[in-house]
Each structure stands twice: as structure tokens, then as C-alpha cells.
Amino acid sequence: MDKIDAQTQTELEAAAFRALRSHLMEARPDVQNIDLMNMAGFCRNCLSRWYQEAAQARGIEMSKEEARTAFYGMPYDAWKAGHQAPASAEKQEDFARAFAQNVGGTPGKD
């Protein structure tokens, strides 16, 4: 494989991100954020936070809710109402541990 220039690498990475987003939002909306976090250490909210952080690193002011709307394609509360199922106490405990390990802090605390 020939060396990929920086612009092409950025474009490939952006395409991979769009494919991941599409997979999570369109192909597999049934996969719960809590299960993603518990198994992989990240979820859709992490992806929206990374999007927000990338914007802010470039001087673009973006709130958490604006980033979530950009990622989810709708307000987060609308996504939750349509796709998020209640989680068992065991999953919530696992999530608190996974969140602390992978994100830091306590879930729900900003």
C-alpha cells in the first residue's frame, strides 16, 4: 500500500466515523448505550462528546446537547424515548463501574 497523505487519511477516518454512526443509529438502534458502555467502554454519548471536544478544540462553541443532537440527528430526549429500554439494577451497577473507568466521575454528573 502506498503511503496515504494526511488529507486522504482524514477523509478515510471521517468516512469510518460516518459508517460507525450510521451503524449505531440506523442499522442497530436496538443496541443499548448501557450495553455498549459495559462491553466496549464507550457509547453513543461518548461519540457525541468526542465530537463536541473536537469542535471546541477548533474554537467552535458547542454544548453537550448541541453535540448530542448533531450525533443522534434529533434531541437526545427524543432518542431515549424511542429507543432506550429500562436497564436492570445489575446493568446500572456495571455501567457505573464502566463509566468511572472509561470516562471518569459518576454517570449523570457534569
PDB file of N, CA and C in Angstrom:
ATOM      1  N   MET A   1       0.848  -1.180   0.000  1.00  0.00           N
ATOM      2  CA  MET A   1       0.000   0.000   0.000  1.00  0.00           C
ATOM      3  C   MET A   1       0.890   1.238   0.000  1.00  0.00           C
ATOM      4  N   ASP A   2       0.548   2.169  -0.851  1.00  0.00           N
ATOM      5  CA  ASP A   2       1.276   3.431  -0.886  1.00  0.00           C
ATOM      6  C   ASP A   2       0.952   4.236   0.361  1.00  0.00           C
ATOM      7  N   LYS A   3       1.866   5.104   0.729  1.00  0.00           N
ATOM      8  CA  LYS A   3       1.647   5.995   1.870  1.00  0.00           C
ATOM      9  C   LYS A   3       0.444   6.884   1.575  1.00  0.00           C
ATOM     10  N   ILE A   4      -0.419   7.004   2.551  1.00  0.00           N
ATOM     11  CA  ILE A   4      -1.624   7.825   2.415  1.00  0.00           C
ATOM     12  C   ILE A   4      -1.308   9.222   2.914  1.00  0.00           C
ATOM     13  N   ASP A   5      -1.650  10.237   2.123  1.00  0.00           N
ATOM     14  CA  ASP A   5      -1.402  11.617   2.553  1.00  0.00           C
ATOM     15  C   ASP A   5      -2.378  11.986   3.673  1.00  0.00           C
ATOM     16  N   ALA A   6      -2.049  13.041   4.384  1.00  0.00           N
ATOM     17  CA  ALA A   6      -2.811  13.449   5.567  1.00  0.00           C
ATOM     18  C   ALA A   6      -4.275  13.752   5.238  1.00  0.00           C
ATOM     19  N   GLN A   7      -4.539  14.420   4.130  1.00  0.00           N
ATOM     20  CA  GLN A   7      -5.917  14.754   3.758  1.00  0.00           C
ATOM     21  C   GLN A   7      -6.727  13.492   3.478  1.00  0.00           C
ATOM     22  N   THR A   8      -6.134  12.556   2.754  1.00  0.00           N
ATOM     23  CA  THR A   8      -6.834  11.305   2.460  1.00  0.00           C
ATOM     24  C   THR A   8      -7.077  10.523   3.740  1.00  0.00           C
ATOM     25  N   GLN A   9      -6.095  10.499   4.636  1.00  0.00           N
ATOM     26  CA  GLN A   9      -6.273   9.806   5.910  1.00  0.00           C
ATOM     27  C   GLN A   9      -7.437  10.415   6.687  1.00  0.00           C
ATOM     28  N   THR A  10      -7.504  11.743   6.734  1.00  0.00           N
ATOM     29  CA  THR A  10      -8.608  12.417   7.415  1.00  0.00           C
ATOM     30  C   THR A  10      -9.942  12.042   6.786  1.00  0.00           C
ATOM     31  N   GLU A  11      -9.986  12.014   5.470  1.00  0.00           N
ATOM     32  CA  GLU A  11     -11.225  11.662   4.766  1.00  0.00           C
ATOM     33  C   GLU A  11     -11.631  10.214   5.041  1.00  0.00           C
ATOM     34  N   LEU A  12     -10.665   9.311   5.082  1.00  0.00           N
ATOM     35  CA  LEU A  12     -10.966   7.912   5.394  1.00  0.00           C
ATOM     36  C   LEU A  12     -11.467   7.764   6.828  1.00  0.00           C
ATOM     37  N   GLU A  13     -10.820   8.470   7.752  1.00  0.00           N
ATOM     38  CA  GLU A  13     -11.257   8.421   9.151  1.00  0.00           C
ATOM     39  C   GLU A  13     -12.668   8.990   9.294  1.00  0.00           C
ATOM     40  N   ALA A  14     -12.956  10.076   8.593  1.00  0.00           N
ATOM     41  CA  ALA A  14     -14.296  10.667   8.638  1.00  0.00           C
ATOM     42  C   ALA A  14     -15.321   9.696   8.066  1.00  0.00           C
ATOM     43  N   ALA A  15     -14.971   9.015   6.999  1.00  0.00           N
ATOM     44  CA  ALA A  15     -15.888   8.037   6.402  1.00  0.00           C
ATOM     45  C   ALA A  15     -16.140   6.879   7.363  1.00  0.00           C
ATOM     46  N   ALA A  16     -15.089   6.431   8.056  1.00  0.00           N
ATOM     47  CA  ALA A  16     -15.249   5.354   9.032  1.00  0.00           C
ATOM     48  C   ALA A  16     -16.153   5.808  10.181  1.00  0.00           C
ATOM     49  N   PHE A  17     -15.980   7.052  10.641  1.00  0.00           N
ATOM     50  CA  PHE A  17     -16.833   7.594  11.699  1.00  0.00           C
ATOM     51  C   PHE A  17     -18.290   7.633  11.236  1.00  0.00           C
ATOM     52  N   ARG A  18     -18.524   8.113  10.002  1.00  0.00           N
ATOM     53  CA  ARG A  18     -19.894   8.169   9.482  1.00  0.00           C
ATOM     54  C   ARG A  18     -20.496   6.774   9.376  1.00  0.00           C
ATOM     55  N   ALA A  19     -19.698   5.785   8.992  1.00  0.00           N
ATOM     56  CA  ALA A  19     -20.188   4.415   8.909  1.00  0.00           C
ATOM     57  C   ALA A  19     -20.535   3.878  10.299  1.00  0.00           C
ATOM     58  N   LEU A  20     -19.700   4.169  11.298  1.00  0.00           N
ATOM     59  CA  LEU A  20     -19.988   3.748  12.670  1.00  0.00           C
ATOM     60  C   LEU A  20     -21.270   4.401  13.169  1.00  0.00           C
ATOM     61  N   ARG A  21     -21.395   5.704  12.942  1.00  0.00           N
ATOM     62  CA  ARG A  21     -22.593   6.420  13.359  1.00  0.00           C
ATOM     63  C   ARG A  21     -23.829   5.823  12.693  1.00  0.00           C
ATOM     64  N   SER A  22     -23.763   5.598  11.390  1.00  0.00           N
ATOM     65  CA  SER A  22     -24.889   5.021  10.657  1.00  0.00           C
ATOM     66  C   SER A  22     -25.241   3.641  11.203  1.00  0.00           C
ATOM     67  N   HIS A  23     -24.234   2.841  11.465  1.00  0.00           N
ATOM     68  CA  HIS A  23     -24.473   1.504  12.001  1.00  0.00           C
ATOM     69  C   HIS A  23     -25.200   1.576  13.345  1.00  0.00           C
ATOM     70  N   LEU A  24     -24.724   2.441  14.238  1.00  0.00           N
ATOM     71  CA  LEU A  24     -25.333   2.544  15.563  1.00  0.00           C
ATOM     72  C   LEU A  24     -26.710   3.189  15.532  1.00  0.00           C
ATOM     73  N   MET A  25     -26.911   4.145  14.626  1.00  0.00           N
ATOM     74  CA  MET A  25     -28.169   4.900  14.620  1.00  0.00           C
ATOM     75  C   MET A  25     -29.234   4.280  13.715  1.00  0.00           C
ATOM     76  N   GLU A  26     -28.823   3.658  12.635  1.00  0.00           N
ATOM     77  CA  GLU A  26     -29.785   3.160  11.660  1.00  0.00           C
ATOM     78  C   GLU A  26     -29.869   1.634  11.630  1.00  0.00           C
ATOM     79  N   ALA A  27     -28.720   0.972  11.561  1.00  0.00           N
ATOM     80  CA  ALA A  27     -28.730  -0.481  11.459  1.00  0.00           C
ATOM     81  C   ALA A  27     -28.990  -1.158  12.797  1.00  0.00           C
ATOM     82  N   ARG A  28     -28.479  -0.570  13.892  1.00  0.00           N
ATOM     83  CA  ARG A  28     -28.593  -1.208  15.200  1.00  0.00           C
ATOM     84  C   ARG A  28     -29.046  -0.257  16.308  1.00  0.00           C
ATOM     85  N   PRO A  29     -30.158   0.453  16.114  1.00  0.00           N
ATOM     86  CA  PRO A  29     -30.636   1.317  17.194  1.00  0.00           C
ATOM     87  C   PRO A  29     -31.102   0.526  18.410  1.00  0.00           C
ATOM     88  N   ASP A  30     -31.278  -0.791  18.227  1.00  0.00           N
ATOM     89  CA  ASP A  30     -31.695  -1.651  19.327  1.00  0.00           C
ATOM     90  C   ASP A  30     -30.583  -1.884  20.344  1.00  0.00           C
ATOM     91  N   VAL A  31     -29.339  -1.686  19.938  1.00  0.00           N
ATOM     92  CA  VAL A  31     -28.223  -1.866  20.866  1.00  0.00           C
ATOM     93  C   VAL A  31     -28.240  -0.709  21.856  1.00  0.00           C
ATOM     94  N   GLN A  32     -28.347  -1.034  23.113  1.00  0.00           N
ATOM     95  CA  GLN A  32     -28.485  -0.031  24.156  1.00  0.00           C
ATOM     96  C   GLN A  32     -27.141   0.612  24.494  1.00  0.00           C
ATOM     97  N   ASN A  33     -27.170   1.914  24.773  1.00  0.00           N
ATOM     98  CA  ASN A  33     -25.956   2.618  25.189  1.00  0.00           C
ATOM     99  C   ASN A  33     -25.318   1.956  26.404  1.00  0.00           C
ATOM    100  N   ILE A  34     -26.138   1.535  27.340  1.00  0.00           N
ATOM    101  CA  ILE A  34     -25.598   0.936  28.561  1.00  0.00           C
ATOM    102  C   ILE A  34     -24.828  -0.333  28.234  1.00  0.00           C
ATOM    103  N   ASP A  35     -25.313  -1.116  27.256  1.00  0.00           N
ATOM    104  CA  ASP A  35     -24.614  -2.332  26.866  1.00  0.00           C
ATOM    105  C   ASP A  35     -23.309  -2.009  26.146  1.00  0.00           C
ATOM    106  N   LEU A  36     -23.330  -0.974  25.292  1.00  0.00           N
ATOM    107  CA  LEU A  36     -22.102  -0.543  24.633  1.00  0.00           C
ATOM    108  C   LEU A  36     -21.049  -0.139  25.671  1.00  0.00           C
ATOM    109  N   MET A  37     -21.446   0.684  26.634  1.00  0.00           N
ATOM    110  CA  MET A  37     -20.506   1.150  27.648  1.00  0.00           C
ATOM    111  C   MET A  37     -19.996  -0.019  28.483  1.00  0.00           C
ATOM    112  N   ASN A  38     -20.892  -0.900  28.876  1.00  0.00           N
ATOM    113  CA  ASN A  38     -20.495  -2.017  29.729  1.00  0.00           C
ATOM    114  C   ASN A  38     -19.553  -2.971  29.007  1.00  0.00           C
ATOM    115  N   MET A  39     -19.741  -3.143  27.717  1.00  0.00           N
ATOM    116  CA  MET A  39     -18.929  -4.113  26.972  1.00  0.00           C
ATOM    117  C   MET A  39     -17.705  -3.484  26.299  1.00  0.00           C
ATOM    118  N   ALA A  40     -17.859  -2.252  25.797  1.00  0.00           N
ATOM    119  CA  ALA A  40     -16.799  -1.656  24.981  1.00  0.00           C
ATOM    120  C   ALA A  40     -16.130  -0.450  25.625  1.00  0.00           C
ATOM    121  N   GLY A  41     -16.735   0.090  26.670  1.00  0.00           N
ATOM    122  CA  GLY A  41     -16.137   1.246  27.333  1.00  0.00           C
ATOM    123  C   GLY A  41     -16.457   2.572  26.666  1.00  0.00           C
ATOM    124  N   PHE A  42     -17.397   2.574  25.711  1.00  0.00           N
ATOM    125  CA  PHE A  42     -17.872   3.812  25.090  1.00  0.00           C
ATOM    126  C   PHE A  42     -19.288   3.565  24.582  1.00  0.00           C
ATOM    127  N   CYS A  43     -19.996   4.656  24.320  1.00  0.00           N
ATOM    128  CA  CYS A  43     -21.351   4.546  23.785  1.00  0.00           C
ATOM    129  C   CYS A  43     -21.611   5.728  22.857  1.00  0.00           C
ATOM    130  N   ARG A  44     -22.832   5.860  22.396  1.00  0.00           N
ATOM    131  CA  ARG A  44     -23.192   6.960  21.503  1.00  0.00           C
ATOM    132  C   ARG A  44     -22.922   8.312  22.160  1.00  0.00           C
ATOM    133  N   ASN A  45     -23.186   8.405  23.464  1.00  0.00           N
ATOM    134  CA  ASN A  45     -22.944   9.670  24.160  1.00  0.00           C
ATOM    135  C   ASN A  45     -21.456  10.014  24.177  1.00  0.00           C
ATOM    136  N   CYS A  46     -20.607   9.006  24.287  1.00  0.00           N
ATOM    137  CA  CYS A  46     -19.157   9.253  24.208  1.00  0.00           C
ATOM    138  C   CYS A  46     -18.801   9.800  22.835  1.00  0.00           C
ATOM    139  N   LEU A  47     -19.349   9.205  21.799  1.00  0.00           N
ATOM    140  CA  LEU A  47     -19.074   9.684  20.444  1.00  0.00           C
ATOM    141  C   LEU A  47     -19.529  11.129  20.280  1.00  0.00           C
ATOM    142  N   SER A  48     -20.686  11.470  20.833  1.00  0.00           N
ATOM    143  CA  SER A  48     -21.140  12.864  20.726  1.00  0.00           C
ATOM    144  C   SER A  48     -20.240  13.787  21.542  1.00  0.00           C
ATOM    145  N   ARG A  49     -19.732  13.305  22.680  1.00  0.00           N
ATOM    146  CA  ARG A  49     -18.816  14.114  23.492  1.00  0.00           C
ATOM    147  C   ARG A  49     -17.501  14.326  22.757  1.00  0.00           C
ATOM    148  N   TRP A  50     -16.995  13.304  22.087  1.00  0.00           N
ATOM    149  CA  TRP A  50     -15.756  13.444  21.321  1.00  0.00           C
ATOM    150  C   TRP A  50     -15.951  14.417  20.167  1.00  0.00           C
ATOM    151  N   TYR A  51     -17.132  14.403  19.574  1.00  0.00           N
ATOM    152  CA  TYR A  51     -17.474  15.357  18.520  1.00  0.00           C
ATOM    153  C   TYR A  51     -17.433  16.779  19.083  1.00  0.00           C
ATOM    154  N   GLN A  52     -18.054  16.955  20.244  1.00  0.00           N
ATOM    155  CA  GLN A  52     -18.065  18.256  20.920  1.00  0.00           C
ATOM    156  C   GLN A  52     -16.649  18.710  21.242  1.00  0.00           C
ATOM    157  N   GLU A  53     -15.841  17.827  21.782  1.00  0.00           N
ATOM    158  CA  GLU A  53     -14.464  18.173  22.139  1.00  0.00           C
ATOM    159  C   GLU A  53     -13.656  18.562  20.900  1.00  0.00           C
ATOM    160  N   ALA A  54     -13.880  17.863  19.784  1.00  0.00           N
ATOM    161  CA  ALA A  54     -13.180  18.197  18.538  1.00  0.00           C
ATOM    162  C   ALA A  54     -13.598  19.580  18.051  1.00  0.00           C
ATOM    163  N   ALA A  55     -14.890  19.886  18.165  1.00  0.00           N
ATOM    164  CA  ALA A  55     -15.366  21.217  17.769  1.00  0.00           C
ATOM    165  C   ALA A  55     -14.733  22.290  18.646  1.00  0.00           C
ATOM    166  N   GLN A  56     -14.751  22.072  19.946  1.00  0.00           N
ATOM    167  CA  GLN A  56     -14.202  23.061  20.868  1.00  0.00           C
ATOM    168  C   GLN A  56     -12.703  23.249  20.668  1.00  0.00           C
ATOM    169  N   ALA A  57     -11.988  22.175  20.303  1.00  0.00           N
ATOM    170  CA  ALA A  57     -10.557  22.290  20.040  1.00  0.00           C
ATOM    171  C   ALA A  57     -10.288  23.187  18.835  1.00  0.00           C
ATOM    172  N   ARG A  58     -11.293  23.351  17.997  1.00  0.00           N
ATOM    173  CA  ARG A  58     -11.169  24.217  16.818  1.00  0.00           C
ATOM    174  C   ARG A  58     -11.834  25.574  17.030  1.00  0.00           C
ATOM    175  N   GLY A  59     -12.172  25.866  18.288  1.00  0.00           N
ATOM    176  CA  GLY A  59     -12.755  27.162  18.613  1.00  0.00           C
ATOM    177  C   GLY A  59     -14.237  27.271  18.329  1.00  0.00           C
ATOM    178  N   ILE A  60     -14.904  26.142  18.113  1.00  0.00           N
ATOM    179  CA  ILE A  60     -16.347  26.137  17.854  1.00  0.00           C
ATOM    180  C   ILE A  60     -17.061  25.841  19.165  1.00  0.00           C
ATOM    181  N   GLU A  61     -17.840  26.808  19.627  1.00  0.00           N
ATOM    182  CA  GLU A  61     -18.604  26.602  20.859  1.00  0.00           C
ATOM    183  C   GLU A  61     -19.752  25.641  20.575  1.00  0.00           C
ATOM    184  N   MET A  62     -19.858  24.602  21.390  1.00  0.00           N
ATOM    185  CA  MET A  62     -20.906  23.601  21.208  1.00  0.00           C
ATOM    186  C   MET A  62     -21.248  23.019  22.565  1.00  0.00           C
ATOM    187  N   SER A  63     -22.517  23.067  22.919  1.00  0.00           N
ATOM    188  CA  SER A  63     -22.952  22.494  24.193  1.00  0.00           C
ATOM    189  C   SER A  63     -23.080  20.978  24.059  1.00  0.00           C
ATOM    190  N   LYS A  64     -23.194  20.319  25.196  1.00  0.00           N
ATOM    191  CA  LYS A  64     -23.385  18.875  25.207  1.00  0.00           C
ATOM    192  C   LYS A  64     -24.652  18.510  24.430  1.00  0.00           C
ATOM    193  N   GLU A  65     -25.728  19.259  24.652  1.00  0.00           N
ATOM    194  CA  GLU A  65     -26.981  18.964  23.959  1.00  0.00           C
ATOM    195  C   GLU A  65     -26.874  19.219  22.459  1.00  0.00           C
ATOM    196  N   GLU A  66     -26.159  20.261  22.052  1.00  0.00           N
ATOM    197  CA  GLU A  66     -25.954  20.511  20.624  1.00  0.00           C
ATOM    198  C   GLU A  66     -25.153  19.376  19.984  1.00  0.00           C
ATOM    199  N   ALA A  67     -24.150  18.882  20.680  1.00  0.00           N
ATOM    200  CA  ALA A  67     -23.352  17.773  20.158  1.00  0.00           C
ATOM    201  C   ALA A  67     -24.178  16.498  20.073  1.00  0.00           C
ATOM    202  N   ARG A  68     -24.988  16.252  21.083  1.00  0.00           N
ATOM    203  CA  ARG A  68     -25.843  15.061  21.043  1.00  0.00           C
ATOM    204  C   ARG A  68     -26.846  15.154  19.903  1.00  0.00           C
ATOM    205  N   THR A  69     -27.428  16.322  19.707  1.00  0.00           N
ATOM    206  CA  THR A  69     -28.381  16.488  18.600  1.00  0.00           C
ATOM    207  C   THR A  69     -27.681  16.274  17.269  1.00  0.00           C
ATOM    208  N   ALA A  70     -26.465  16.768  17.129  1.00  0.00           N
ATOM    209  CA  ALA A  70     -25.703  16.570  15.893  1.00  0.00           C
ATOM    210  C   ALA A  70     -25.431  15.087  15.671  1.00  0.00           C
ATOM    211  N   PHE A  71     -25.081  14.360  16.720  1.00  0.00           N
ATOM    212  CA  PHE A  71     -24.766  12.942  16.573  1.00  0.00           C
ATOM    213  C   PHE A  71     -26.026  12.097  16.386  1.00  0.00           C
ATOM    214  N   TYR A  72     -27.013  12.308  17.241  1.00  0.00           N
ATOM    215  CA  TYR A  72     -28.231  11.496  17.203  1.00  0.00           C
ATOM    216  C   TYR A  72     -29.164  11.880  16.057  1.00  0.00           C
ATOM    217  N   GLY A  73     -28.994  13.078  15.514  1.00  0.00           N
ATOM    218  CA  GLY A  73     -29.885  13.534  14.455  1.00  0.00           C
ATOM    219  C   GLY A  73     -31.236  13.984  14.985  1.00  0.00           C
ATOM    220  N   MET A  74     -31.316  14.150  16.286  1.00  0.00           N
ATOM    221  CA  MET A  74     -32.537  14.579  16.969  1.00  0.00           C
ATOM    222  C   MET A  74     -32.145  14.902  18.407  1.00  0.00           C
ATOM    223  N   PRO A  75     -33.012  15.597  19.140  1.00  0.00           N
ATOM    224  CA  PRO A  75     -32.700  15.814  20.554  1.00  0.00           C
ATOM    225  C   PRO A  75     -32.532  14.473  21.282  1.00  0.00           C
ATOM    226  N   TYR A  76     -31.608  14.437  22.209  1.00  0.00           N
ATOM    227  CA  TYR A  76     -31.305  13.200  22.930  1.00  0.00           C
ATOM    228  C   TYR A  76     -32.539  12.635  23.626  1.00  0.00           C
ATOM    229  N   ASP A  77     -33.359  13.494  24.220  1.00  0.00           N
ATOM    230  CA  ASP A  77     -34.562  13.014  24.896  1.00  0.00           C
ATOM    231  C   ASP A  77     -35.493  12.280  23.938  1.00  0.00           C
ATOM    232  N   ALA A  78     -35.567  12.731  22.684  1.00  0.00           N
ATOM    233  CA  ALA A  78     -36.396  12.052  21.678  1.00  0.00           C
ATOM    234  C   ALA A  78     -35.807  10.673  21.366  1.00  0.00           C
ATOM    235  N   TRP A  79     -34.482  10.600  21.258  1.00  0.00           N
ATOM    236  CA  TRP A  79     -33.840   9.303  21.020  1.00  0.00           C
ATOM    237  C   TRP A  79     -34.142   8.348  22.172  1.00  0.00           C
ATOM    238  N   LYS A  80     -33.939   8.830  23.401  1.00  0.00           N
ATOM    239  CA  LYS A  80     -34.177   7.981  24.565  1.00  0.00           C
ATOM    240  C   LYS A  80     -35.615   7.473  24.579  1.00  0.00           C
ATOM    241  N   ALA A  81     -36.572   8.345  24.311  1.00  0.00           N
ATOM    242  CA  ALA A  81     -37.980   7.953  24.343  1.00  0.00           C
ATOM    243  C   ALA A  81     -38.291   6.876  23.302  1.00  0.00           C
ATOM    244  N   GLY A  82     -37.637   6.939  22.168  1.00  0.00           N
ATOM    245  CA  GLY A  82     -37.925   5.995  21.108  1.00  0.00           C
ATOM    246  C   GLY A  82     -37.091   4.732  21.091  1.00  0.00           C
ATOM    247  N   HIS A  83     -35.946   4.744  21.780  1.00  0.00           N
ATOM    248  CA  HIS A  83     -35.010   3.621  21.625  1.00  0.00           C
ATOM    249  C   HIS A  83     -34.431   3.060  22.906  1.00  0.00           C
ATOM    250  N   GLN A  84     -34.490   3.785  23.989  1.00  0.00           N
ATOM    251  CA  GLN A  84     -33.813   3.333  25.202  1.00  0.00           C
ATOM    252  C   GLN A  84     -34.769   2.559  26.093  1.00  0.00           C
ATOM    253  N   ALA A  85     -34.377   1.335  26.417  1.00  0.00           N
ATOM    254  CA  ALA A  85     -35.166   0.482  27.294  1.00  0.00           C
ATOM    255  C   ALA A  85     -34.676   0.624  28.731  1.00  0.00           C
ATOM    256  N   PRO A  86     -35.534   0.345  29.691  1.00  0.00           N
ATOM    257  CA  PRO A  86     -35.089   0.374  31.087  1.00  0.00           C
ATOM    258  C   PRO A  86     -33.948  -0.628  31.308  1.00  0.00           C
ATOM    259  N   ALA A  87     -33.033  -0.273  32.185  1.00  0.00           N
ATOM    260  CA  ALA A  87     -31.889  -1.136  32.482  1.00  0.00           C
ATOM    261  C   ALA A  87     -32.063  -1.761  33.856  1.00  0.00           C
ATOM    262  N   SER A  88     -31.633  -2.988  33.967  1.00  0.00           N
ATOM    263  CA  SER A  88     -31.695  -3.685  35.253  1.00  0.00           C
ATOM    264  C   SER A  88     -30.725  -3.034  36.236  1.00  0.00           C
ATOM    265  N   ALA A  89     -30.939  -3.311  37.504  1.00  0.00           N
ATOM    266  CA  ALA A  89     -30.041  -2.799  38.546  1.00  0.00           C
ATOM    267  C   ALA A  89     -28.619  -3.303  38.305  1.00  0.00           C
ATOM    268  N   GLU A  90     -28.477  -4.544  37.871  1.00  0.00           N
ATOM    269  CA  GLU A  90     -27.151  -5.101  37.608  1.00  0.00           C
ATOM    270  C   GLU A  90     -26.455  -4.352  36.474  1.00  0.00           C
ATOM    271  N   LYS A  91     -27.186  -4.070  35.390  1.00  0.00           N
ATOM    272  CA  LYS A  91     -26.593  -3.317  34.278  1.00  0.00           C
ATOM    273  C   LYS A  91     -26.213  -1.908  34.714  1.00  0.00           C
ATOM    274  N   GLN A  92     -27.036  -1.306  35.573  1.00  0.00           N
ATOM    275  CA  GLN A  92     -26.732   0.041  36.055  1.00  0.00           C
ATOM    276  C   GLN A  92     -25.473   0.041  36.918  1.00  0.00           C
ATOM    277  N   GLU A  93     -25.294  -0.983  37.745  1.00  0.00           N
ATOM    278  CA  GLU A  93     -24.081  -1.090  38.554  1.00  0.00           C
ATOM    279  C   GLU A  93     -22.855  -1.287  37.665  1.00  0.00           C
ATOM    280  N   ASP A  94     -22.980  -2.166  36.658  1.00  0.00           N
ATOM    281  CA  ASP A  94     -21.884  -2.384  35.713  1.00  0.00           C
ATOM    282  C   ASP A  94     -21.559  -1.085  34.977  1.00  0.00           C
ATOM    283  N   PHE A  95     -22.606  -0.339  34.610  1.00  0.00           N
ATOM    284  CA  PHE A  95     -22.417   0.924  33.899  1.00  0.00           C
ATOM    285  C   PHE A  95     -21.659   1.932  34.761  1.00  0.00           C
ATOM    286  N   ALA A  96     -22.014   2.028  36.034  1.00  0.00           N
ATOM    287  CA  ALA A  96     -21.327   2.978  36.923  1.00  0.00           C
ATOM    288  C   ALA A  96     -19.835   2.658  36.973  1.00  0.00           C
ATOM    289  N   ARG A  97     -19.495   1.371  37.034  1.00  0.00           N
ATOM    290  CA  ARG A  97     -18.078   0.977  37.039  1.00  0.00           C
ATOM    291  C   ARG A  97     -17.423   1.288  35.694  1.00  0.00           C
ATOM    292  N   ALA A  98     -18.082   0.930  34.597  1.00  0.00           N
ATOM    293  CA  ALA A  98     -17.518   1.167  33.262  1.00  0.00           C
ATOM    294  C   ALA A  98     -17.356   2.661  33.004  1.00  0.00           C
ATOM    295  N   PHE A  99     -18.332   3.445  33.425  1.00  0.00           N
ATOM    296  CA  PHE A  99     -18.266   4.891  33.231  1.00  0.00           C
ATOM    297  C   PHE A  99     -17.089   5.469  33.994  1.00  0.00           C
ATOM    298  N   ALA A 100     -16.954   5.091  35.258  1.00  0.00           N
ATOM    299  CA  ALA A 100     -15.852   5.603  36.083  1.00  0.00           C
ATOM    300  C   ALA A 100     -14.504   5.210  35.476  1.00  0.00           C
ATOM    301  N   GLN A 101     -14.395   3.994  34.981  1.00  0.00           N
ATOM    302  CA  GLN A 101     -13.131   3.513  34.421  1.00  0.00           C
ATOM    303  C   GLN A 101     -12.811   4.182  33.091  1.00  0.00           C
ATOM    304  N   ASN A 102     -13.809   4.380  32.244  1.00  0.00           N
ATOM    305  CA  ASN A 102     -13.560   4.845  30.877  1.00  0.00           C
ATOM    306  C   ASN A 102     -13.780   6.341  30.662  1.00  0.00           C
ATOM    307  N   VAL A 103     -14.627   6.943  31.455  1.00  0.00           N
ATOM    308  CA  VAL A 103     -14.938   8.356  31.294  1.00  0.00           C
ATOM    309  C   VAL A 103     -14.440   9.154  32.484  1.00  0.00           C
ATOM    310  N   GLY A 104     -14.598   8.582  33.647  1.00  0.00           N
ATOM    311  CA  GLY A 104     -14.215   9.258  34.887  1.00  0.00           C
ATOM    312  C   GLY A 104     -15.414   9.899  35.539  1.00  0.00           C
ATOM    313  N   GLY A 105     -15.422   9.920  36.823  1.00  0.00           N
ATOM    314  CA  GLY A 105     -16.525  10.542  37.542  1.00  0.00           C
ATOM    315  C   GLY A 105     -17.711   9.598  37.692  1.00  0.00           C
ATOM    316  N   THR A 106     -18.868  10.217  37.909  1.00  0.00           N
ATOM    317  CA  THR A 106     -20.094   9.493  38.149  1.00  0.00           C
ATOM    318  C   THR A 106     -21.080   9.775  37.022  1.00  0.00           C
ATOM    319  N   PRO A 107     -21.757   8.751  36.493  1.00  0.00           N
ATOM    320  CA  PRO A 107     -22.735   8.994  35.431  1.00  0.00           C
ATOM    321  C   PRO A 107     -23.776  10.015  35.867  1.00  0.00           C
ATOM    322  N   GLY A 108     -24.128  10.891  34.924  1.00  0.00           N
ATOM    323  CA  GLY A 108     -25.162  11.889  35.196  1.00  0.00           C
ATOM    324  C   GLY A 108     -24.655  13.141  35.882  1.00  0.00           C
ATOM    325  N   LYS A 109     -23.397  13.167  36.264  1.00  0.00           N
ATOM    326  CA  LYS A 109     -22.827  14.349  36.914  1.00  0.00           C
ATOM    327  C   LYS A 109     -21.961  15.083  35.893  1.00  0.00           C
ATOM    328  N   ASP A 110     -22.253  16.342  35.679  1.00  0.00           N
ATOM    329  CA  ASP A 110     -21.466  17.131  34.706  1.00  0.00           C
ATOM    330  C   ASP A 110     -20.444  17.988  35.379  1.00  0.00           C
TER     331      ASP A 110
END
